[in-house]
PDB file of N, CA and C in Angstrom:
ATOM      1  N   UNK A   1       1.120  -1.052  -0.299  1.00  0.00           N
ATOM      2  CA  UNK A   1       0.030  -0.223   0.273  1.00  0.00           C
ATOM      3  C   UNK A   1       0.718   1.107  -0.120  1.00  0.00           C
ATOM      4  N   UNK A   2       0.520   2.352  -1.218  1.00  0.00           N
ATOM      5  CA  UNK A   2       1.382   3.364  -1.055  1.00  0.00           C
ATOM      6  C   UNK A   2       0.263   4.321   0.285  1.00  0.00           C
ATOM      7  N   UNK A   3       1.476   5.624   0.477  1.00  0.00           N
ATOM      8  CA  UNK A   3       0.837   6.565   1.504  1.00  0.00           C
ATOM      9  C   UNK A   3       1.092   8.024   0.784  1.00  0.00           C
ATOM     10  N   UNK A   4       0.137   8.305   0.777  1.00  0.00           N
ATOM     11  CA  UNK A   4       0.184  10.080   0.678  1.00  0.00           C
ATOM     12  C   UNK A   4       0.628  10.970   1.796  1.00  0.00           C
ATOM     13  N   UNK A   5       1.702  11.562   1.425  1.00  0.00           N
ATOM     14  CA  UNK A   5       1.927  12.554   2.862  1.00  0.00           C
ATOM     15  C   UNK A   5       1.995  13.889   2.488  1.00  0.00           C
ATOM     16  N   UNK A   6       0.931  14.959   3.329  1.00  0.00           N
ATOM     17  CA  UNK A   6       0.222  15.838   2.571  1.00  0.00           C
ATOM     18  C   UNK A   6       1.017  17.326   3.350  1.00  0.00           C
ATOM     19  N   UNK A   7       1.449  18.233   2.284  1.00  0.00           N
ATOM     20  CA  UNK A   7       2.156  19.221   3.271  1.00  0.00           C
ATOM     21  C   UNK A   7       1.477  20.267   2.626  1.00  0.00           C
ATOM     22  N   UNK A   8       1.586  21.559   3.868  1.00  0.00           N
ATOM     23  CA  UNK A   8       0.851  23.211   3.406  1.00  0.00           C
ATOM     24  C   UNK A   8      -0.921  22.568   3.131  1.00  0.00           C
ATOM     25  N   UNK A   9      -1.752  23.651   3.545  1.00  0.00           N
ATOM     26  CA  UNK A   9      -2.703  23.531   3.724  1.00  0.00           C
ATOM     27  C   UNK A   9      -3.628  23.017   4.925  1.00  0.00           C
ATOM     28  N   UNK A  10      -4.819  22.704   4.817  1.00  0.00           N
ATOM     29  CA  UNK A  10      -5.641  22.585   6.142  1.00  0.00           C
ATOM     30  C   UNK A  10      -5.242  21.154   6.796  1.00  0.00           C
ATOM     31  N   UNK A  11      -4.833  20.340   5.531  1.00  0.00           N
ATOM     32  CA  UNK A  11      -4.413  18.952   5.880  1.00  0.00           C
ATOM     33  C   UNK A  11      -2.752  18.740   6.146  1.00  0.00           C
ATOM     34  N   UNK A  12      -2.143  19.856   6.253  1.00  0.00           N
ATOM     35  CA  UNK A  12      -0.509  19.521   6.683  1.00  0.00           C
ATOM     36  C   UNK A  12      -0.483  18.202   7.415  1.00  0.00           C
ATOM     37  N   UNK A  13       0.719  17.548   7.392  1.00  0.00           N
ATOM     38  CA  UNK A  13       1.000  16.903   8.183  1.00  0.00           C
ATOM     39  C   UNK A  13       0.009  15.760   8.091  1.00  0.00           C
ATOM     40  N   UNK A  14      -0.731  15.563   7.551  1.00  0.00           N
ATOM     41  CA  UNK A  14      -2.086  14.123   7.090  1.00  0.00           C
ATOM     42  C   UNK A  14      -1.132  13.116   6.560  1.00  0.00           C
ATOM     43  N   UNK A  15      -1.150  11.911   6.659  1.00  0.00           N
ATOM     44  CA  UNK A  15      -0.814  10.871   5.764  1.00  0.00           C
ATOM     45  C   UNK A  15      -2.116   9.781   5.755  1.00  0.00           C
ATOM     46  N   UNK A  16      -1.896  10.110   4.342  1.00  0.00           N
ATOM     47  CA  UNK A  16      -3.367   8.549   4.274  1.00  0.00           C
ATOM     48  C   UNK A  16      -3.238   7.925   2.977  1.00  0.00           C
ATOM     49  N   UNK A  17      -4.164   6.783   2.927  1.00  0.00           N
ATOM     50  CA  UNK A  17      -3.445   5.784   1.887  1.00  0.00           C
ATOM     51  C   UNK A  17      -3.618   6.227   0.935  1.00  0.00           C
ATOM     52  N   UNK A  18      -2.733   5.710  -0.019  1.00  0.00           N
ATOM     53  CA  UNK A  18      -2.598   6.574  -1.309  1.00  0.00           C
ATOM     54  C   UNK A  18      -3.432   5.405  -2.705  1.00  0.00           C
ATOM     55  N   UNK A  19      -4.637   5.868  -3.074  1.00  0.00           N
ATOM     56  CA  UNK A  19      -5.013   5.236  -4.130  1.00  0.00           C
ATOM     57  C   UNK A  19      -4.549   5.013  -4.879  1.00  0.00           C
ATOM     58  N   UNK A  20      -4.158   3.724  -5.763  1.00  0.00           N
ATOM     59  CA  UNK A  20      -3.012   3.718  -7.167  1.00  0.00           C
ATOM     60  C   UNK A  20      -3.583   4.656  -8.290  1.00  0.00           C
ATOM     61  N   UNK A  21      -4.848   4.817  -8.790  1.00  0.00           N
ATOM     62  CA  UNK A  21      -6.102   5.712  -9.595  1.00  0.00           C
ATOM     63  C   UNK A  21      -4.764   6.651  -9.495  1.00  0.00           C
ATOM     64  N   UNK A  22      -4.708   7.632  -8.651  1.00  0.00           N
ATOM     65  CA  UNK A  22      -4.208   9.027  -8.305  1.00  0.00           C
ATOM     66  C   UNK A  22      -2.930   9.387  -8.646  1.00  0.00           C
ATOM     67  N   UNK A  23      -3.141  10.274  -9.855  1.00  0.00           N
ATOM     68  CA  UNK A  23      -2.125  10.535 -10.583  1.00  0.00           C
ATOM     69  C   UNK A  23      -1.299  11.917 -10.039  1.00  0.00           C
ATOM     70  N   UNK A  24      -0.736  12.898 -10.234  1.00  0.00           N
ATOM     71  CA  UNK A  24      -0.077  14.002 -10.165  1.00  0.00           C
ATOM     72  C   UNK A  24      -0.527  15.189  -9.190  1.00  0.00           C
ATOM     73  N   UNK A  25      -2.163  14.684  -9.372  1.00  0.00           N
ATOM     74  CA  UNK A  25      -2.936  15.597  -8.513  1.00  0.00           C
ATOM     75  C   UNK A  25      -3.863  14.953  -7.469  1.00  0.00           C
ATOM     76  N   UNK A  26      -4.201  15.413  -6.562  1.00  0.00           N
ATOM     77  CA  UNK A  26      -5.234  14.701  -5.132  1.00  0.00           C
ATOM     78  C   UNK A  26      -5.854  15.464  -4.670  1.00  0.00           C
ATOM     79  N   UNK A  27      -7.119  15.324  -5.064  1.00  0.00           N
ATOM     80  CA  UNK A  27      -7.806  16.550  -4.883  1.00  0.00           C
ATOM     81  C   UNK A  27      -8.836  15.945  -3.782  1.00  0.00           C
ATOM     82  N   UNK A  28      -8.912  16.830  -2.604  1.00  0.00           N
ATOM     83  CA  UNK A  28      -9.982  16.010  -1.591  1.00  0.00           C
ATOM     84  C   UNK A  28     -11.429  17.071  -1.031  1.00  0.00           C
ATOM     85  N   UNK A  29     -12.615  16.036  -0.787  1.00  0.00           N
ATOM     86  CA  UNK A  29     -13.809  17.127  -0.491  1.00  0.00           C
ATOM     87  C   UNK A  29     -12.842  17.889   1.139  1.00  0.00           C
ATOM     88  N   UNK A  30     -13.465  19.149   0.890  1.00  0.00           N
ATOM     89  CA  UNK A  30     -13.025  19.983   2.414  1.00  0.00           C
ATOM     90  C   UNK A  30     -14.134  21.275   2.376  1.00  0.00           C
ATOM     91  N   UNK A  31     -15.232  20.822   3.312  1.00  0.00           N
ATOM     92  CA  UNK A  31     -16.240  21.842   3.433  1.00  0.00           C
ATOM     93  C   UNK A  31     -17.039  22.042   2.452  1.00  0.00           C
ATOM     94  N   UNK A  32     -17.523  22.900   2.167  1.00  0.00           N
ATOM     95  CA  UNK A  32     -18.497  23.341   0.660  1.00  0.00           C
ATOM     96  C   UNK A  32     -17.593  22.493  -0.621  1.00  0.00           C
ATOM     97  N   UNK A  33     -15.635  23.113  -0.845  1.00  0.00           N
ATOM     98  CA  UNK A  33     -15.265  23.045  -1.431  1.00  0.00           C
ATOM     99  C   UNK A  33     -14.527  21.745  -1.593  1.00  0.00           C
ATOM    100  N   UNK A  34     -13.522  22.095  -2.013  1.00  0.00           N
ATOM    101  CA  UNK A  34     -12.353  20.924  -2.240  1.00  0.00           C
ATOM    102  C   UNK A  34     -10.861  20.960  -2.150  1.00  0.00           C
ATOM    103  N   UNK A  35     -10.134  20.949  -1.280  1.00  0.00           N
ATOM    104  CA  UNK A  35      -9.011  21.119  -1.361  1.00  0.00           C
ATOM    105  C   UNK A  35      -7.698  20.292  -2.180  1.00  0.00           C
ATOM    106  N   UNK A  36      -6.667  20.896  -3.279  1.00  0.00           N
ATOM    107  CA  UNK A  36      -5.977  20.109  -4.162  1.00  0.00           C
ATOM    108  C   UNK A  36      -5.119  20.546  -3.764  1.00  0.00           C
ATOM    109  N   UNK A  37      -3.753  19.203  -3.870  1.00  0.00           N
ATOM    110  CA  UNK A  37      -2.705  19.144  -3.572  1.00  0.00           C
ATOM    111  C   UNK A  37      -1.786  18.426  -5.057  1.00  0.00           C
ATOM    112  N   UNK A  38      -0.696  18.620  -5.296  1.00  0.00           N
ATOM    113  CA  UNK A  38       0.271  18.309  -6.030  1.00  0.00           C
ATOM    114  C   UNK A  38       0.997  17.131  -5.469  1.00  0.00           C
ATOM    115  N   UNK A  39       1.356  16.737  -6.977  1.00  0.00           N
ATOM    116  CA  UNK A  39       2.688  15.037  -6.170  1.00  0.00           C
ATOM    117  C   UNK A  39       3.690  15.931  -6.515  1.00  0.00           C
ATOM    118  N   UNK A  40       5.031  16.027  -5.360  1.00  0.00           N
ATOM    119  CA  UNK A  40       6.267  16.838  -5.686  1.00  0.00           C
ATOM    120  C   UNK A  40       7.118  15.737  -5.793  1.00  0.00           C
ATOM    121  N   UNK A  41       8.339  15.387  -6.376  1.00  0.00           N
ATOM    122  CA  UNK A  41       9.504  14.711  -5.908  1.00  0.00           C
ATOM    123  C   UNK A  41       8.914  13.397  -6.757  1.00  0.00           C
ATOM    124  N   UNK A  42      10.012  12.650  -6.148  1.00  0.00           N
ATOM    125  CA  UNK A  42      10.143  11.034  -6.561  1.00  0.00           C
ATOM    126  C   UNK A  42       9.667  10.202  -5.424  1.00  0.00           C
ATOM    127  N   UNK A  43       8.502   9.216  -5.545  1.00  0.00           N
ATOM    128  CA  UNK A  43       8.197   8.242  -4.301  1.00  0.00           C
ATOM    129  C   UNK A  43       9.554   8.320  -3.699  1.00  0.00           C
ATOM    130  N   UNK A  44       9.408   8.083  -2.336  1.00  0.00           N
ATOM    131  CA  UNK A  44      10.374   7.131  -1.103  1.00  0.00           C
ATOM    132  C   UNK A  44      10.244   5.760  -0.703  1.00  0.00           C
ATOM    133  N   UNK A  45      10.698   5.165  -0.347  1.00  0.00           N
ATOM    134  CA  UNK A  45      10.522   3.702   0.352  1.00  0.00           C
ATOM    135  C   UNK A  45      10.214   2.601  -0.590  1.00  0.00           C
ATOM    136  N   UNK A  46      10.432   2.551  -2.171  1.00  0.00           N
ATOM    137  CA  UNK A  46      10.114   1.746  -3.103  1.00  0.00           C
ATOM    138  C   UNK A  46      10.431   0.231  -2.879  1.00  0.00           C
ATOM    139  N   UNK A  47      11.549   0.003  -2.323  1.00  0.00           N
ATOM    140  CA  UNK A  47      12.124  -1.284  -1.565  1.00  0.00           C
ATOM    141  C   UNK A  47      11.413  -2.115  -1.532  1.00  0.00           C
ATOM    142  N   UNK A  48      11.468  -3.308  -1.055  1.00  0.00           N
ATOM    143  CA  UNK A  48      10.867  -4.757  -0.836  1.00  0.00           C
ATOM    144  C   UNK A  48      10.766  -4.650   0.911  1.00  0.00           C
ATOM    145  N   UNK A  49      12.092  -4.113   1.282  1.00  0.00           N
ATOM    146  CA  UNK A  49      12.089  -4.077   2.960  1.00  0.00           C
ATOM    147  C   UNK A  49      12.240  -2.492   3.538  1.00  0.00           C
ATOM    148  N   UNK A  50      11.876  -1.698   3.186  1.00  0.00           N
ATOM    149  CA  UNK A  50      11.947  -0.237   3.572  1.00  0.00           C
ATOM    150  C   UNK A  50      10.861   0.661   4.216  1.00  0.00           C
ATOM    151  N   UNK A  51       9.529  -0.651   4.301  1.00  0.00           N
ATOM    152  CA  UNK A  51       8.171   0.507   4.605  1.00  0.00           C
ATOM    153  C   UNK A  51       7.211   0.518   3.336  1.00  0.00           C
ATOM    154  N   UNK A  52       6.278   1.288   3.592  1.00  0.00           N
ATOM    155  CA  UNK A  52       5.497   1.648   2.736  1.00  0.00           C
ATOM    156  C   UNK A  52       5.439   3.218   1.875  1.00  0.00           C
ATOM    157  N   UNK A  53       5.475   2.857   0.470  1.00  0.00           N
ATOM    158  CA  UNK A  53       6.041   3.809  -0.501  1.00  0.00           C
ATOM    159  C   UNK A  53       5.250   4.809  -0.220  1.00  0.00           C
ATOM    160  N   UNK A  54       5.659   6.318  -0.122  1.00  0.00           N
ATOM    161  CA  UNK A  54       5.166   7.113   0.195  1.00  0.00           C
ATOM    162  C   UNK A  54       5.048   7.991  -0.482  1.00  0.00           C
ATOM    163  N   UNK A  55       4.559   9.249  -1.426  1.00  0.00           N
ATOM    164  CA  UNK A  55       4.263  10.120  -2.184  1.00  0.00           C
ATOM    165  C   UNK A  55       4.408  11.411  -1.412  1.00  0.00           C
ATOM    166  N   UNK A  56       4.967  12.465  -1.829  1.00  0.00           N
ATOM    167  CA  UNK A  56       4.634  13.663  -1.057  1.00  0.00           C
ATOM    168  C   UNK A  56       3.800  14.424  -2.108  1.00  0.00           C
ATOM    169  N   UNK A  57       2.632  15.082  -1.408  1.00  0.00           N
ATOM    170  CA  UNK A  57       1.968  16.410  -2.279  1.00  0.00           C
ATOM    171  C   UNK A  57       1.986  17.394  -1.606  1.00  0.00           C
ATOM    172  N   UNK A  58       1.739  18.595  -2.274  1.00  0.00           N
ATOM    173  CA  UNK A  58       2.145  19.625  -1.607  1.00  0.00           C
ATOM    174  C   UNK A  58       0.651  20.793  -1.759  1.00  0.00           C
ATOM    175  N   UNK A  59       0.104  21.239  -1.420  1.00  0.00           N
ATOM    176  CA  UNK A  59      -1.169  22.012  -1.239  1.00  0.00           C
ATOM    177  C   UNK A  59      -0.737  23.076  -2.540  1.00  0.00           C
ATOM    178  N   UNK A  60      -2.162  23.690  -3.042  1.00  0.00           N
ATOM    179  CA  UNK A  60      -1.812  24.568  -4.321  1.00  0.00           C
ATOM    180  C   UNK A  60      -2.910  25.421  -3.968  1.00  0.00           C
ATOM    181  N   UNK A  61      -3.801  25.060  -3.589  1.00  0.00           N
ATOM    182  CA  UNK A  61      -5.478  25.660  -3.185  1.00  0.00           C
ATOM    183  C   UNK A  61      -6.427  25.116  -3.281  1.00  0.00           C
ATOM    184  N   UNK A  62      -7.542  26.112  -2.509  1.00  0.00           N
ATOM    185  CA  UNK A  62      -8.783  25.310  -2.479  1.00  0.00           C
ATOM    186  C   UNK A  62      -9.997  25.889  -2.823  1.00  0.00           C
ATOM    187  N   UNK A  63     -11.019  25.335  -3.852  1.00  0.00           N
ATOM    188  CA  UNK A  63     -11.898  25.687  -4.867  1.00  0.00           C
ATOM    189  C   UNK A  63     -13.287  26.527  -4.428  1.00  0.00           C
ATOM    190  N   UNK A  64     -12.921  26.949  -2.489  1.00  0.00           N
ATOM    191  CA  UNK A  64     -14.086  27.659  -2.108  1.00  0.00           C
ATOM    192  C   UNK A  64     -13.163  28.402  -0.504  1.00  0.00           C
ATOM    193  N   UNK A  65     -13.786  29.495  -0.139  1.00  0.00           N
ATOM    194  CA  UNK A  65     -12.811  29.931   1.196  1.00  0.00           C
ATOM    195  C   UNK A  65     -12.329  29.011   2.542  1.00  0.00           C
ATOM    196  N   UNK A  66     -11.589  29.056   2.512  1.00  0.00           N
ATOM    197  CA  UNK A  66     -11.608  28.271   3.597  1.00  0.00           C
ATOM    198  C   UNK A  66     -11.650  28.951   5.014  1.00  0.00           C
ATOM    199  N   UNK A  67     -12.747  28.878   6.072  1.00  0.00           N
ATOM    200  CA  UNK A  67     -13.427  29.997   6.901  1.00  0.00           C
ATOM    201  C   UNK A  67     -13.175  29.203   7.742  1.00  0.00           C
ATOM    202  N   UNK A  68     -12.235  29.442   9.019  1.00  0.00           N
ATOM    203  CA  UNK A  68     -12.332  28.445  10.315  1.00  0.00           C
ATOM    204  C   UNK A  68     -13.552  29.406  11.269  1.00  0.00           C
ATOM    205  N   UNK A  69     -14.239  29.571  11.026  1.00  0.00           N
ATOM    206  CA  UNK A  69     -15.234  30.477  11.693  1.00  0.00           C
ATOM    207  C   UNK A  69     -16.694  30.703  10.803  1.00  0.00           C
ATOM    208  N   UNK A  70     -17.385  29.975  10.114  1.00  0.00           N
ATOM    209  CA  UNK A  70     -17.872  30.513   9.605  1.00  0.00           C
ATOM    210  C   UNK A  70     -19.052  31.006  10.035  1.00  0.00           C
ATOM    211  N   UNK A  71     -19.616  31.029  10.914  1.00  0.00           N
ATOM    212  CA  UNK A  71     -20.837  32.255  11.537  1.00  0.00           C
ATOM    213  C   UNK A  71     -20.769  33.059  11.662  1.00  0.00           C
ATOM    214  N   UNK A  72     -19.274  33.479  11.377  1.00  0.00           N
ATOM    215  CA  UNK A  72     -18.634  35.293  11.880  1.00  0.00           C
ATOM    216  C   UNK A  72     -18.599  35.670  13.086  1.00  0.00           C
ATOM    217  N   UNK A  73     -18.310  34.746  14.101  1.00  0.00           N
ATOM    218  CA  UNK A  73     -18.198  35.421  15.310  1.00  0.00           C
ATOM    219  C   UNK A  73     -16.727  35.540  15.891  1.00  0.00           C
ATOM    220  N   UNK A  74     -17.071  36.298  16.461  1.00  0.00           N
ATOM    221  CA  UNK A  74     -15.361  36.860  16.851  1.00  0.00           C
ATOM    222  C   UNK A  74     -15.309  36.502  18.263  1.00  0.00           C
ATOM    223  N   UNK A  75     -15.175  35.221  18.988  1.00  0.00           N
ATOM    224  CA  UNK A  75     -15.037  34.520  20.350  1.00  0.00           C
ATOM    225  C   UNK A  75     -13.847  34.948  21.324  1.00  0.00           C
TER     226      UNK A  75
END
């Protein structure tokens, strides 16, 4: 199983299972929109005995504004 390591954006630091059909872009639902990450660099840990293969994905943009306080309150 391959893993995607997400860098930047609201999901920074998340490691998730990577579907083998994912190409150079990883798009994930987030709130009312989507977050877009792109693959960066080569996969690591591609050998038989060095753990799961990892791919690094870097945050590019969100399709909707990311608002941590959608109610507009300043508590």
